[in-house]
PDB file of N, CA and C in Angstrom:
ATOM      1  N   MET A   1      86.986 -29.128 -63.954  1.00  0.00           N
ATOM      2  CA  MET A   1      88.080 -29.320 -63.013  1.00  0.00           C
ATOM      3  C   MET A   1      88.849 -30.558 -63.450  1.00  0.00           C
ATOM      4  N   ARG A   2      90.178 -30.495 -63.376  1.00  0.00           N
ATOM      5  CA  ARG A   2      91.043 -31.601 -63.768  1.00  0.00           C
ATOM      6  C   ARG A   2      91.933 -31.993 -62.593  1.00  0.00           C
ATOM      7  N   ALA A   3      92.126 -33.285 -62.420  1.00  0.00           N
ATOM      8  CA  ALA A   3      93.033 -33.794 -61.389  1.00  0.00           C
ATOM      9  C   ALA A   3      94.473 -33.679 -61.889  1.00  0.00           C
ATOM     10  N   PHE A   4      95.413 -33.755 -60.954  1.00  0.00           N
ATOM     11  CA  PHE A   4      96.832 -33.685 -61.283  1.00  0.00           C
ATOM     12  C   PHE A   4      97.551 -34.798 -60.535  1.00  0.00           C
ATOM     13  N   GLY A   5      98.517 -35.437 -61.177  1.00  0.00           N
ATOM     14  CA  GLY A   5      99.310 -36.476 -60.519  1.00  0.00           C
ATOM     15  C   GLY A   5      98.486 -37.723 -60.240  1.00  0.00           C
ATOM     16  N   ASP A   6      98.731 -38.338 -59.084  1.00  0.00           N
ATOM     17  CA  ASP A   6      98.056 -39.581 -58.700  1.00  0.00           C
ATOM     18  C   ASP A   6      96.780 -39.299 -57.917  1.00  0.00           C
ATOM     19  N   ASN A   7      95.959 -38.400 -58.439  1.00  0.00           N
ATOM     20  CA  ASN A   7      94.699 -38.043 -57.804  1.00  0.00           C
ATOM     21  C   ASN A   7      93.564 -38.192 -58.802  1.00  0.00           C
ATOM     22  N   ALA A   8      92.350 -38.212 -58.289  1.00  0.00           N
ATOM     23  CA  ALA A   8      91.158 -38.245 -59.121  1.00  0.00           C
ATOM     24  C   ALA A   8      90.169 -37.231 -58.563  1.00  0.00           C
ATOM     25  N   VAL A   9      89.421 -36.615 -59.449  1.00  0.00           N
ATOM     26  CA  VAL A   9      88.339 -35.726 -59.053  1.00  0.00           C
ATOM     27  C   VAL A   9      87.043 -36.499 -59.271  1.00  0.00           C
ATOM     28  N   ILE A  10      86.223 -36.551 -58.230  1.00  0.00           N
ATOM     29  CA  ILE A  10      84.958 -37.271 -58.331  1.00  0.00           C
ATOM     30  C   ILE A  10      83.813 -36.390 -57.838  1.00  0.00           C
ATOM     31  N   ILE A  11      82.606 -36.758 -58.259  1.00  0.00           N
ATOM     32  CA  ILE A  11      81.388 -36.179 -57.699  1.00  0.00           C
ATOM     33  C   ILE A  11      80.768 -37.280 -56.858  1.00  0.00           C
ATOM     34  N   PRO A  12      80.703 -37.103 -55.533  1.00  0.00           N
ATOM     35  CA  PRO A  12      80.128 -38.154 -54.702  1.00  0.00           C
ATOM     36  C   PRO A  12      78.642 -38.341 -54.982  1.00  0.00           C
ATOM     37  N   ALA A  13      78.196 -39.590 -54.920  1.00  0.00           N
ATOM     38  CA  ALA A  13      76.779 -39.896 -55.122  1.00  0.00           C
ATOM     39  C   ALA A  13      75.979 -39.342 -53.951  1.00  0.00           C
ATOM     40  N   THR A  14      74.786 -38.870 -54.248  1.00  0.00           N
ATOM     41  CA  THR A  14      73.891 -38.401 -53.187  1.00  0.00           C
ATOM     42  C   THR A  14      72.566 -39.137 -53.305  1.00  0.00           C
ATOM     43  N   ASN A  15      71.962 -39.395 -52.185  1.00  0.00           N
ATOM     44  CA  ASN A  15      70.648 -40.020 -52.127  1.00  0.00           C
ATOM     45  C   ASN A  15      69.675 -39.008 -51.539  1.00  0.00           C
ATOM     46  N   THR A  16      68.507 -38.887 -52.147  1.00  0.00           N
ATOM     47  CA  THR A  16      67.494 -37.978 -51.635  1.00  0.00           C
ATOM     48  C   THR A  16      66.500 -38.775 -50.811  1.00  0.00           C
ATOM     49  N   LEU A  17      66.332 -38.375 -49.571  1.00  0.00           N
ATOM     50  CA  LEU A  17      65.409 -39.046 -48.668  1.00  0.00           C
ATOM     51  C   LEU A  17      64.033 -38.378 -48.730  1.00  0.00           C
ATOM     52  N   ILE A  18      63.051 -39.007 -48.139  1.00  0.00           N
ATOM     53  CA  ILE A  18      61.721 -38.407 -48.048  1.00  0.00           C
ATOM     54  C   ILE A  18      61.852 -37.065 -47.336  1.00  0.00           C
ATOM     55  N   GLY A  19      61.233 -36.053 -47.879  1.00  0.00           N
ATOM     56  CA  GLY A  19      61.350 -34.716 -47.313  1.00  0.00           C
ATOM     57  C   GLY A  19      62.416 -33.888 -48.009  1.00  0.00           C
ATOM     58  N   GLY A  20      63.137 -34.468 -48.982  1.00  0.00           N
ATOM     59  CA  GLY A  20      64.100 -33.718 -49.769  1.00  0.00           C
ATOM     60  C   GLY A  20      65.502 -33.628 -49.199  1.00  0.00           C
ATOM     61  N   LEU A  21      65.772 -34.255 -48.061  1.00  0.00           N
ATOM     62  CA  LEU A  21      67.105 -34.223 -47.470  1.00  0.00           C
ATOM     63  C   LEU A  21      68.059 -35.055 -48.324  1.00  0.00           C
ATOM     64  N   GLN A  22      69.213 -34.477 -48.687  1.00  0.00           N
ATOM     65  CA  GLN A  22      70.205 -35.191 -49.474  1.00  0.00           C
ATOM     66  C   GLN A  22      71.366 -35.606 -48.589  1.00  0.00           C
ATOM     67  N   VAL A  23      71.801 -36.860 -48.737  1.00  0.00           N
ATOM     68  CA  VAL A  23      72.952 -37.369 -47.996  1.00  0.00           C
ATOM     69  C   VAL A  23      73.947 -37.969 -48.983  1.00  0.00           C
ATOM     70  N   LYS A  24      75.231 -37.907 -48.644  1.00  0.00           N
ATOM     71  CA  LYS A  24      76.253 -38.501 -49.494  1.00  0.00           C
ATOM     72  C   LYS A  24      76.119 -40.010 -49.466  1.00  0.00           C
ATOM     73  N   GLY A  25      76.507 -40.646 -50.565  1.00  0.00           N
ATOM     74  CA  GLY A  25      76.195 -42.052 -50.787  1.00  0.00           C
ATOM     75  C   GLY A  25      77.250 -43.069 -50.474  1.00  0.00           C
ATOM     76  N   ASP A  26      77.623 -43.242 -49.255  1.00  0.00           N
ATOM     77  CA  ASP A  26      78.389 -44.401 -48.803  1.00  0.00           C
ATOM     78  C   ASP A  26      79.589 -44.775 -49.663  1.00  0.00           C
ATOM     79  N   GLY A  27      80.467 -43.833 -49.940  1.00  0.00           N
ATOM     80  CA  GLY A  27      81.709 -44.149 -50.638  1.00  0.00           C
ATOM     81  C   GLY A  27      81.543 -44.449 -52.105  1.00  0.00           C
ATOM     82  N   GLU A  28      80.532 -43.906 -52.731  1.00  0.00           N
ATOM     83  CA  GLU A  28      80.303 -44.112 -54.156  1.00  0.00           C
ATOM     84  C   GLU A  28      80.367 -42.761 -54.852  1.00  0.00           C
ATOM     85  N   GLY A  29      80.939 -42.731 -56.046  1.00  0.00           N
ATOM     86  CA  GLY A  29      81.015 -41.474 -56.786  1.00  0.00           C
ATOM     87  C   GLY A  29      81.337 -41.694 -58.244  1.00  0.00           C
ATOM     88  N   LYS A  30      81.171 -40.637 -59.047  1.00  0.00           N
ATOM     89  CA  LYS A  30      81.460 -40.680 -60.474  1.00  0.00           C
ATOM     90  C   LYS A  30      82.758 -39.922 -60.734  1.00  0.00           C
ATOM     91  N   VAL A  31      83.663 -40.551 -61.476  1.00  0.00           N
ATOM     92  CA  VAL A  31      84.972 -39.965 -61.767  1.00  0.00           C
ATOM     93  C   VAL A  31      84.824 -38.887 -62.845  1.00  0.00           C
ATOM     94  N   VAL A  32      85.284 -37.688 -62.537  1.00  0.00           N
ATOM     95  CA  VAL A  32      85.273 -36.569 -63.476  1.00  0.00           C
ATOM     96  C   VAL A  32      86.619 -36.471 -64.189  1.00  0.00           C
ATOM     97  N   SER A  33      87.716 -36.678 -63.456  1.00  0.00           N
ATOM     98  CA  SER A  33      89.052 -36.554 -64.017  1.00  0.00           C
ATOM     99  C   SER A  33      90.006 -37.498 -63.296  1.00  0.00           C
ATOM    100  N   CYS A  34      90.796 -38.222 -64.087  1.00  0.00           N
ATOM    101  CA  CYS A  34      91.824 -39.103 -63.526  1.00  0.00           C
ATOM    102  C   CYS A  34      92.928 -39.270 -64.577  1.00  0.00           C
ATOM    103  N   PRO A  35      93.917 -38.358 -64.565  1.00  0.00           N
ATOM    104  CA  PRO A  35      94.935 -38.394 -65.617  1.00  0.00           C
ATOM    105  C   PRO A  35      95.765 -39.679 -65.650  1.00  0.00           C
ATOM    106  N   SER A  36      95.951 -40.339 -64.527  1.00  0.00           N
ATOM    107  CA  SER A  36      96.742 -41.577 -64.494  1.00  0.00           C
ATOM    108  C   SER A  36      95.991 -42.766 -65.082  1.00  0.00           C
ATOM    109  N   HIS A  37      94.646 -42.728 -65.012  1.00  0.00           N
ATOM    110  CA  HIS A  37      93.801 -43.811 -65.533  1.00  0.00           C
ATOM    111  C   HIS A  37      92.588 -43.214 -66.238  1.00  0.00           C
ATOM    112  N   PRO A  38      92.776 -42.636 -67.419  1.00  0.00           N
ATOM    113  CA  PRO A  38      91.660 -41.971 -68.095  1.00  0.00           C
ATOM    114  C   PRO A  38      90.515 -42.916 -68.460  1.00  0.00           C
ATOM    115  N   GLU A  39      90.770 -44.217 -68.479  1.00  0.00           N
ATOM    116  CA  GLU A  39      89.710 -45.175 -68.820  1.00  0.00           C
ATOM    117  C   GLU A  39      88.600 -45.234 -67.770  1.00  0.00           C
ATOM    118  N   ILE A  40      88.842 -44.718 -66.557  1.00  0.00           N
ATOM    119  CA  ILE A  40      87.788 -44.739 -65.535  1.00  0.00           C
ATOM    120  C   ILE A  40      87.004 -43.429 -65.469  1.00  0.00           C
ATOM    121  N   GLU A  41      87.370 -42.439 -66.285  1.00  0.00           N
ATOM    122  CA  GLU A  41      86.622 -41.182 -66.307  1.00  0.00           C
ATOM    123  C   GLU A  41      85.198 -41.446 -66.789  1.00  0.00           C
ATOM    124  N   GLY A  42      84.233 -40.908 -66.077  1.00  0.00           N
ATOM    125  CA  GLY A  42      82.822 -41.129 -66.393  1.00  0.00           C
ATOM    126  C   GLY A  42      82.246 -42.371 -65.743  1.00  0.00           C
ATOM    127  N   LYS A  43      83.081 -43.174 -65.095  1.00  0.00           N
ATOM    128  CA  LYS A  43      82.630 -44.417 -64.449  1.00  0.00           C
ATOM    129  C   LYS A  43      82.296 -44.164 -62.983  1.00  0.00           C
ATOM    130  N   THR A  44      81.472 -45.046 -62.433  1.00  0.00           N
ATOM    131  CA  THR A  44      81.131 -44.995 -61.013  1.00  0.00           C
ATOM    132  C   THR A  44      82.122 -45.874 -60.251  1.00  0.00           C
ATOM    133  N   ILE A  45      82.621 -45.345 -59.142  1.00  0.00           N
ATOM    134  CA  ILE A  45      83.610 -46.068 -58.338  1.00  0.00           C
ATOM    135  C   ILE A  45      83.132 -46.191 -56.897  1.00  0.00           C
ATOM    136  N   LEU A  46      83.756 -47.113 -56.192  1.00  0.00           N
ATOM    137  CA  LEU A  46      83.648 -47.184 -54.740  1.00  0.00           C
ATOM    138  C   LEU A  46      84.985 -46.724 -54.189  1.00  0.00           C
ATOM    139  N   PHE A  47      84.952 -45.880 -53.150  1.00  0.00           N
ATOM    140  CA  PHE A  47      86.189 -45.384 -52.558  1.00  0.00           C
ATOM    141  C   PHE A  47      86.079 -45.444 -51.043  1.00  0.00           C
ATOM    142  N   ASN A  48      87.217 -45.439 -50.381  1.00  0.00           N
ATOM    143  CA  ASN A  48      87.270 -45.506 -48.928  1.00  0.00           C
ATOM    144  C   ASN A  48      86.838 -44.162 -48.363  1.00  0.00           C
ATOM    145  N   GLU A  49      85.629 -44.094 -47.848  1.00  0.00           N
ATOM    146  CA  GLU A  49      85.095 -42.830 -47.347  1.00  0.00           C
ATOM    147  C   GLU A  49      85.569 -42.504 -45.930  1.00  0.00           C
ATOM    148  N   ASN A  50      86.347 -43.369 -45.313  1.00  0.00           N
ATOM    149  CA  ASN A  50      86.837 -43.129 -43.952  1.00  0.00           C
ATOM    150  C   ASN A  50      88.081 -42.243 -43.915  1.00  0.00           C
ATOM    151  N   LEU A  51      88.628 -41.928 -45.079  1.00  0.00           N
ATOM    152  CA  LEU A  51      89.791 -41.051 -45.154  1.00  0.00           C
ATOM    153  C   LEU A  51      89.333 -39.611 -45.350  1.00  0.00           C
ATOM    154  N   ARG A  52      90.227 -38.674 -45.101  1.00  0.00           N
ATOM    155  CA  ARG A  52      89.907 -37.252 -45.322  1.00  0.00           C
ATOM    156  C   ARG A  52      90.264 -36.879 -46.755  1.00  0.00           C
ATOM    157  N   TYR A  53      89.403 -36.096 -47.374  1.00  0.00           N
ATOM    158  CA  TYR A  53      89.613 -35.656 -48.744  1.00  0.00           C
ATOM    159  C   TYR A  53      89.432 -34.152 -48.838  1.00  0.00           C
ATOM    160  N   ILE A  54      89.965 -33.592 -49.893  1.00  0.00           N
ATOM    161  CA  ILE A  54      89.767 -32.175 -50.187  1.00  0.00           C
ATOM    162  C   ILE A  54      88.411 -32.033 -50.878  1.00  0.00           C
ATOM    163  N   GLU A  55      87.577 -31.132 -50.381  1.00  0.00           N
ATOM    164  CA  GLU A  55      86.292 -30.838 -51.011  1.00  0.00           C
ATOM    165  C   GLU A  55      86.379 -29.467 -51.673  1.00  0.00           C
ATOM    166  N   TYR A  56      85.861 -29.370 -52.885  1.00  0.00           N
ATOM    167  CA  TYR A  56      85.783 -28.096 -53.581  1.00  0.00           C
ATOM    168  C   TYR A  56      84.466 -28.071 -54.339  1.00  0.00           C
ATOM    169  N   GLU A  57      83.598 -27.154 -53.940  1.00  0.00           N
ATOM    170  CA  GLU A  57      82.248 -27.071 -54.484  1.00  0.00           C
ATOM    171  C   GLU A  57      81.595 -28.445 -54.398  1.00  0.00           C
ATOM    172  N   LYS A  58      81.170 -29.028 -55.527  1.00  0.00           N
ATOM    173  CA  LYS A  58      80.508 -30.340 -55.473  1.00  0.00           C
ATOM    174  C   LYS A  58      81.484 -31.504 -55.648  1.00  0.00           C
ATOM    175  N   TYR A  59      82.786 -31.224 -55.726  1.00  0.00           N
ATOM    176  CA  TYR A  59      83.797 -32.237 -56.042  1.00  0.00           C
ATOM    177  C   TYR A  59      84.563 -32.708 -54.808  1.00  0.00           C
ATOM    178  N   LEU A  60      85.070 -33.942 -54.886  1.00  0.00           N
ATOM    179  CA  LEU A  60      86.049 -34.468 -53.938  1.00  0.00           C
ATOM    180  C   LEU A  60      87.312 -34.778 -54.719  1.00  0.00           C
ATOM    181  N   ILE A  61      88.458 -34.461 -54.154  1.00  0.00           N
ATOM    182  CA  ILE A  61      89.742 -34.826 -54.751  1.00  0.00           C
ATOM    183  C   ILE A  61      90.299 -35.954 -53.894  1.00  0.00           C
ATOM    184  N   ILE A  62      90.452 -37.129 -54.501  1.00  0.00           N
ATOM    185  CA  ILE A  62      90.874 -38.317 -53.762  1.00  0.00           C
ATOM    186  C   ILE A  62      92.169 -38.859 -54.368  1.00  0.00           C
ATOM    187  N   THR A  63      92.904 -39.636 -53.577  1.00  0.00           N
ATOM    188  CA  THR A  63      94.105 -40.288 -54.085  1.00  0.00           C
ATOM    189  C   THR A  63      93.715 -41.610 -54.748  1.00  0.00           C
ATOM    190  N   LEU A  64      94.522 -42.049 -55.701  1.00  0.00           N
ATOM    191  CA  LEU A  64      94.201 -43.288 -56.413  1.00  0.00           C
ATOM    192  C   LEU A  64      94.170 -44.499 -55.509  1.00  0.00           C
ATOM    193  N   ASP A  65      94.999 -44.526 -54.469  1.00  0.00           N
ATOM    194  CA  ASP A  65      95.013 -45.691 -53.592  1.00  0.00           C
ATOM    195  C   ASP A  65      93.771 -45.787 -52.711  1.00  0.00           C
ATOM    196  N   SER A  66      92.916 -44.781 -52.719  1.00  0.00           N
ATOM    197  CA  SER A  66      91.669 -44.864 -51.950  1.00  0.00           C
ATOM    198  C   SER A  66      90.514 -45.408 -52.795  1.00  0.00           C
ATOM    199  N   ILE A  67      90.752 -45.622 -54.104  1.00  0.00           N
ATOM    200  CA  ILE A  67      89.729 -46.219 -54.977  1.00  0.00           C
ATOM    201  C   ILE A  67      89.719 -47.718 -54.740  1.00  0.00           C
ATOM    202  N   LEU A  68      88.556 -48.254 -54.402  1.00  0.00           N
ATOM    203  CA  LEU A  68      88.429 -49.685 -54.090  1.00  0.00           C
ATOM    204  C   LEU A  68      87.976 -50.501 -55.293  1.00  0.00           C
ATOM    205  N   ALA A  69      87.073 -49.947 -56.126  1.00  0.00           N
ATOM    206  CA  ALA A  69      86.547 -50.701 -57.259  1.00  0.00           C
ATOM    207  C   ALA A  69      85.893 -49.758 -58.252  1.00  0.00           C
ATOM    208  N   VAL A  70      85.899 -50.184 -59.511  1.00  0.00           N
ATOM    209  CA  VAL A  70      85.111 -49.520 -60.559  1.00  0.00           C
ATOM    210  C   VAL A  70      83.893 -50.399 -60.764  1.00  0.00           C
ATOM    211  N   ILE A  71      82.700 -49.842 -60.552  1.00  0.00           N
ATOM    212  CA  ILE A  71      81.511 -50.704 -60.600  1.00  0.00           C
ATOM    213  C   ILE A  71      80.645 -50.516 -61.831  1.00  0.00           C
ATOM    214  N   ARG A  72      80.733 -49.408 -62.521  1.00  0.00           N
ATOM    215  CA  ARG A  72      79.951 -49.198 -63.757  1.00  0.00           C
ATOM    216  C   ARG A  72      80.748 -48.342 -64.700  1.00  0.00           C
TER     217      ARG A  72
END
């Protein structure tokens, strides 16, 4: 999947709890596609999880202004 325009496609981080329950990881995710800033592809970011995003399968499509930091 590829992002278009000022958007990024990410896979949100998940944490597995005891018992196998998976929860999304507090505004953290790995960038799959970001045509405006290809240098962050493959990096882990922090994003504002309080906004609404488009979900498609395991991906989130977010706007660039919702990215708060590149952490790895």
